[in-house]
């Protein structure tokens, strides 16, 4: 699992893909399925106090 931030600003934990290839993201509002032709994986900038 990896912490992710979506282009709409929603943050959550990526938890794999479903049978159709949608990225599964656990958010504070529940599971979100992300369908996109392209997904970029970039490091998240460290917040103050993170190591």
PDB file of N, CA and C in Angstrom:
ATOM      1  N   UNK A   1       0.841  -1.186   0.000  1.00  0.00           N
ATOM      2  CA  UNK A   1       0.000   0.000   0.000  1.00  0.00           C
ATOM      3  C   UNK A   1       0.883   1.246   0.000  1.00  0.00           C
ATOM      4  N   UNK A   2       0.425   2.270  -0.698  1.00  0.00           N
ATOM      5  CA  UNK A   2       1.194   3.506  -0.841  1.00  0.00           C
ATOM      6  C   UNK A   2       0.262   4.694  -0.655  1.00  0.00           C
ATOM      7  N   UNK A   3       0.724   5.694   0.110  1.00  0.00           N
ATOM      8  CA  UNK A   3      -0.044   6.923   0.275  1.00  0.00           C
ATOM      9  C   UNK A   3       0.002   7.687  -1.040  1.00  0.00           C
ATOM     10  N   UNK A   4      -1.166   8.145  -1.504  1.00  0.00           N
ATOM     11  CA  UNK A   4      -1.255   8.860  -2.777  1.00  0.00           C
ATOM     12  C   UNK A   4      -2.090  10.120  -2.612  1.00  0.00           C
ATOM     13  N   UNK A   5      -1.863  11.074  -3.514  1.00  0.00           N
ATOM     14  CA  UNK A   5      -2.721  12.247  -3.607  1.00  0.00           C
ATOM     15  C   UNK A   5      -3.178  12.333  -5.048  1.00  0.00           C
ATOM     16  N   UNK A   6      -4.489  12.377  -5.233  1.00  0.00           N
ATOM     17  CA  UNK A   6      -5.064  12.419  -6.567  1.00  0.00           C
ATOM     18  C   UNK A   6      -5.035  13.839  -7.116  1.00  0.00           C
ATOM     19  N   UNK A   7      -5.214  13.976  -8.424  1.00  0.00           N
ATOM     20  CA  UNK A   7      -5.152  15.295  -9.054  1.00  0.00           C
ATOM     21  C   UNK A   7      -6.231  16.238  -8.543  1.00  0.00           C
ATOM     22  N   UNK A   8      -7.319  15.696  -7.969  1.00  0.00           N
ATOM     23  CA  UNK A   8      -8.373  16.558  -7.413  1.00  0.00           C
ATOM     24  C   UNK A   8      -8.092  16.941  -5.959  1.00  0.00           C
ATOM     25  N   UNK A   9      -6.912  16.555  -5.444  1.00  0.00           N
ATOM     26  CA  UNK A   9      -6.519  16.917  -4.092  1.00  0.00           C
ATOM     27  C   UNK A   9      -6.862  15.887  -3.034  1.00  0.00           C
ATOM     28  N   UNK A  10      -7.674  14.890  -3.371  1.00  0.00           N
ATOM     29  CA  UNK A  10      -8.044  13.843  -2.421  1.00  0.00           C
ATOM     30  C   UNK A  10      -6.818  12.981  -2.133  1.00  0.00           C
ATOM     31  N   UNK A  11      -6.590  12.687  -0.860  1.00  0.00           N
ATOM     32  CA  UNK A  11      -5.472  11.837  -0.463  1.00  0.00           C
ATOM     33  C   UNK A  11      -6.013  10.535   0.100  1.00  0.00           C
ATOM     34  N   UNK A  12      -5.220   9.484  -0.015  1.00  0.00           N
ATOM     35  CA  UNK A  12      -5.621   8.195   0.515  1.00  0.00           C
ATOM     36  C   UNK A  12      -4.502   7.190   0.357  1.00  0.00           C
ATOM     37  N   UNK A  13      -4.863   5.924   0.458  1.00  0.00           N
ATOM     38  CA  UNK A  13      -3.902   4.841   0.329  1.00  0.00           C
ATOM     39  C   UNK A  13      -4.280   3.972  -0.858  1.00  0.00           C
ATOM     40  N   UNK A  14      -3.359   3.869  -1.824  1.00  0.00           N
ATOM     41  CA  UNK A  14      -3.587   3.004  -2.978  1.00  0.00           C
ATOM     42  C   UNK A  14      -3.575   1.563  -2.497  1.00  0.00           C
ATOM     43  N   UNK A  15      -4.562   0.784  -2.958  1.00  0.00           N
ATOM     44  CA  UNK A  15      -4.699  -0.589  -2.477  1.00  0.00           C
ATOM     45  C   UNK A  15      -4.829  -1.577  -3.624  1.00  0.00           C
ATOM     46  N   UNK A  16      -4.204  -1.268  -4.762  1.00  0.00           N
ATOM     47  CA  UNK A  16      -4.251  -2.184  -5.886  1.00  0.00           C
ATOM     48  C   UNK A  16      -5.188  -1.707  -6.972  1.00  0.00           C
ATOM     49  N   UNK A  17      -5.588  -2.647  -7.829  1.00  0.00           N
ATOM     50  CA  UNK A  17      -6.492  -2.347  -8.937  1.00  0.00           C
ATOM     51  C   UNK A  17      -7.633  -3.347  -8.951  1.00  0.00           C
ATOM     52  N   UNK A  18      -8.770  -2.922  -9.516  1.00  0.00           N
ATOM     53  CA  UNK A  18      -9.893  -3.847  -9.628  1.00  0.00           C
ATOM     54  C   UNK A  18      -9.786  -4.632 -10.931  1.00  0.00           C
ATOM     55  N   UNK A  19     -10.759  -5.461 -11.225  1.00  0.00           N
ATOM     56  CA  UNK A  19     -10.756  -6.309 -12.406  1.00  0.00           C
ATOM     57  C   UNK A  19     -10.759  -5.561 -13.723  1.00  0.00           C
ATOM     58  N   UNK A  20     -11.152  -4.297 -13.703  1.00  0.00           N
ATOM     59  CA  UNK A  20     -11.171  -3.477 -14.923  1.00  0.00           C
ATOM     60  C   UNK A  20      -9.961  -2.558 -15.029  1.00  0.00           C
ATOM     61  N   UNK A  21      -9.068  -2.632 -14.038  1.00  0.00           N
ATOM     62  CA  UNK A  21      -7.854  -1.827 -14.075  1.00  0.00           C
ATOM     63  C   UNK A  21      -7.950  -0.495 -13.368  1.00  0.00           C
ATOM     64  N   UNK A  22      -9.059  -0.222 -12.675  1.00  0.00           N
ATOM     65  CA  UNK A  22      -9.186   1.032 -11.930  1.00  0.00           C
ATOM     66  C   UNK A  22      -8.334   0.956 -10.669  1.00  0.00           C
ATOM     67  N   UNK A  23      -7.647   2.045 -10.362  1.00  0.00           N
ATOM     68  CA  UNK A  23      -6.858   2.130  -9.141  1.00  0.00           C
ATOM     69  C   UNK A  23      -7.802   2.233  -7.951  1.00  0.00           C
ATOM     70  N   UNK A  24      -7.601   1.401  -6.933  1.00  0.00           N
ATOM     71  CA  UNK A  24      -8.416   1.429  -5.720  1.00  0.00           C
ATOM     72  C   UNK A  24      -7.708   2.287  -4.684  1.00  0.00           C
ATOM     73  N   UNK A  25      -8.410   3.312  -4.195  1.00  0.00           N
ATOM     74  CA  UNK A  25      -7.817   4.224  -3.218  1.00  0.00           C
ATOM     75  C   UNK A  25      -8.735   4.316  -2.013  1.00  0.00           C
ATOM     76  N   UNK A  26      -8.212   3.946  -0.836  1.00  0.00           N
ATOM     77  CA  UNK A  26      -8.949   4.118   0.419  1.00  0.00           C
ATOM     78  C   UNK A  26      -8.798   5.574   0.832  1.00  0.00           C
ATOM     79  N   UNK A  27      -9.922   6.309   0.966  1.00  0.00           N
ATOM     80  CA  UNK A  27      -9.893   7.701   1.406  1.00  0.00           C
ATOM     81  C   UNK A  27     -10.685   7.822   2.702  1.00  0.00           C
ATOM     82  N   UNK A  28     -10.651   8.995   3.304  1.00  0.00           N
ATOM     83  CA  UNK A  28     -11.427   9.208   4.529  1.00  0.00           C
ATOM     84  C   UNK A  28     -12.922   9.099   4.264  1.00  0.00           C
ATOM     85  N   UNK A  29     -13.337   9.275   3.013  1.00  0.00           N
ATOM     86  CA  UNK A  29     -14.752   9.172   2.640  1.00  0.00           C
ATOM     87  C   UNK A  29     -15.123   7.772   2.157  1.00  0.00           C
ATOM     88  N   UNK A  30     -14.164   6.850   2.149  1.00  0.00           N
ATOM     89  CA  UNK A  30     -14.423   5.498   1.676  1.00  0.00           C
ATOM     90  C   UNK A  30     -13.572   5.160   0.462  1.00  0.00           C
ATOM     91  N   UNK A  31     -13.903   4.048  -0.176  1.00  0.00           N
ATOM     92  CA  UNK A  31     -13.142   3.581  -1.331  1.00  0.00           C
ATOM     93  C   UNK A  31     -13.465   4.426  -2.556  1.00  0.00           C
ATOM     94  N   UNK A  32     -12.426   4.842  -3.281  1.00  0.00           N
ATOM     95  CA  UNK A  32     -12.601   5.585  -4.526  1.00  0.00           C
ATOM     96  C   UNK A  32     -11.927   4.794  -5.627  1.00  0.00           C
ATOM     97  N   UNK A  33     -12.613   4.618  -6.761  1.00  0.00           N
ATOM     98  CA  UNK A  33     -12.037   3.964  -7.923  1.00  0.00           C
ATOM     99  C   UNK A  33     -11.596   5.045  -8.886  1.00  0.00           C
ATOM    100  N   UNK A  34     -10.346   4.970  -9.328  1.00  0.00           N
ATOM    101  CA  UNK A  34      -9.784   5.982 -10.219  1.00  0.00           C
ATOM    102  C   UNK A  34      -9.547   5.343 -11.571  1.00  0.00           C
ATOM    103  N   UNK A  35     -10.260   5.846 -12.570  1.00  0.00           N
ATOM    104  CA  UNK A  35     -10.086   5.399 -13.948  1.00  0.00           C
ATOM    105  C   UNK A  35      -9.363   6.495 -14.709  1.00  0.00           C
ATOM    106  N   UNK A  36      -8.238   6.161 -15.290  1.00  0.00           N
ATOM    107  CA  UNK A  36      -7.456   7.144 -16.025  1.00  0.00           C
ATOM    108  C   UNK A  36      -6.640   6.427 -17.080  1.00  0.00           C
ATOM    109  N   UNK A  37      -6.396   7.121 -18.171  1.00  0.00           N
ATOM    110  CA  UNK A  37      -5.547   6.540 -19.206  1.00  0.00           C
ATOM    111  C   UNK A  37      -4.090   6.534 -18.765  1.00  0.00           C
ATOM    112  N   UNK A  38      -3.748   7.420 -17.825  1.00  0.00           N
ATOM    113  CA  UNK A  38      -2.366   7.534 -17.369  1.00  0.00           C
ATOM    114  C   UNK A  38      -2.328   7.834 -15.876  1.00  0.00           C
ATOM    115  N   UNK A  39      -1.447   7.155 -15.171  1.00  0.00           N
ATOM    116  CA  UNK A  39      -1.231   7.404 -13.745  1.00  0.00           C
ATOM    117  C   UNK A  39       0.247   7.692 -13.554  1.00  0.00           C
ATOM    118  N   UNK A  40       0.573   8.794 -12.886  1.00  0.00           N
ATOM    119  CA  UNK A  40       1.963   9.140 -12.583  1.00  0.00           C
ATOM    120  C   UNK A  40       2.224   8.863 -11.111  1.00  0.00           C
ATOM    121  N   UNK A  41       3.350   8.240 -10.835  1.00  0.00           N
ATOM    122  CA  UNK A  41       3.739   7.970  -9.453  1.00  0.00           C
ATOM    123  C   UNK A  41       4.964   8.819  -9.167  1.00  0.00           C
ATOM    124  N   UNK A  42       4.799   9.751  -8.231  1.00  0.00           N
ATOM    125  CA  UNK A  42       5.885  10.654  -7.860  1.00  0.00           C
ATOM    126  C   UNK A  42       6.034  10.641  -6.349  1.00  0.00           C
ATOM    127  N   UNK A  43       7.241  10.898  -5.853  1.00  0.00           N
ATOM    128  CA  UNK A  43       7.403  10.982  -4.400  1.00  0.00           C
ATOM    129  C   UNK A  43       6.602  12.152  -3.846  1.00  0.00           C
ATOM    130  N   UNK A  44       6.051  11.967  -2.662  1.00  0.00           N
ATOM    131  CA  UNK A  44       5.322  13.030  -1.985  1.00  0.00           C
ATOM    132  C   UNK A  44       6.331  13.865  -1.217  1.00  0.00           C
ATOM    133  N   UNK A  45       6.227  15.181  -1.320  1.00  0.00           N
ATOM    134  CA  UNK A  45       7.127  16.070  -0.585  1.00  0.00           C
ATOM    135  C   UNK A  45       6.945  15.853   0.911  1.00  0.00           C
ATOM    136  N   UNK A  46       8.039  15.764   1.635  1.00  0.00           N
ATOM    137  CA  UNK A  46       7.980  15.560   3.086  1.00  0.00           C
ATOM    138  C   UNK A  46       7.381  16.783   3.751  1.00  0.00           C
ATOM    139  N   UNK A  47       6.509  16.529   4.719  1.00  0.00           N
ATOM    140  CA  UNK A  47       5.941  17.610   5.516  1.00  0.00           C
ATOM    141  C   UNK A  47       6.854  17.872   6.696  1.00  0.00           C
ATOM    142  N   UNK A  48       6.758  19.034   7.277  1.00  0.00           N
ATOM    143  CA  UNK A  48       7.573  19.385   8.442  1.00  0.00           C
ATOM    144  C   UNK A  48       7.375  18.334   9.535  1.00  0.00           C
ATOM    145  N   UNK A  49       8.451  17.776  10.011  1.00  0.00           N
ATOM    146  CA  UNK A  49       8.382  16.782  11.073  1.00  0.00           C
ATOM    147  C   UNK A  49       8.392  15.350  10.570  1.00  0.00           C
ATOM    148  N   UNK A  50       8.180  15.140   9.256  1.00  0.00           N
ATOM    149  CA  UNK A  50       8.231  13.784   8.698  1.00  0.00           C
ATOM    150  C   UNK A  50       9.680  13.390   8.459  1.00  0.00           C
ATOM    151  N   UNK A  51       9.964  12.115   8.565  1.00  0.00           N
ATOM    152  CA  UNK A  51      11.318  11.622   8.317  1.00  0.00           C
ATOM    153  C   UNK A  51      11.272  10.551   7.271  1.00  0.00           C
TER     154      UNK A  51
END
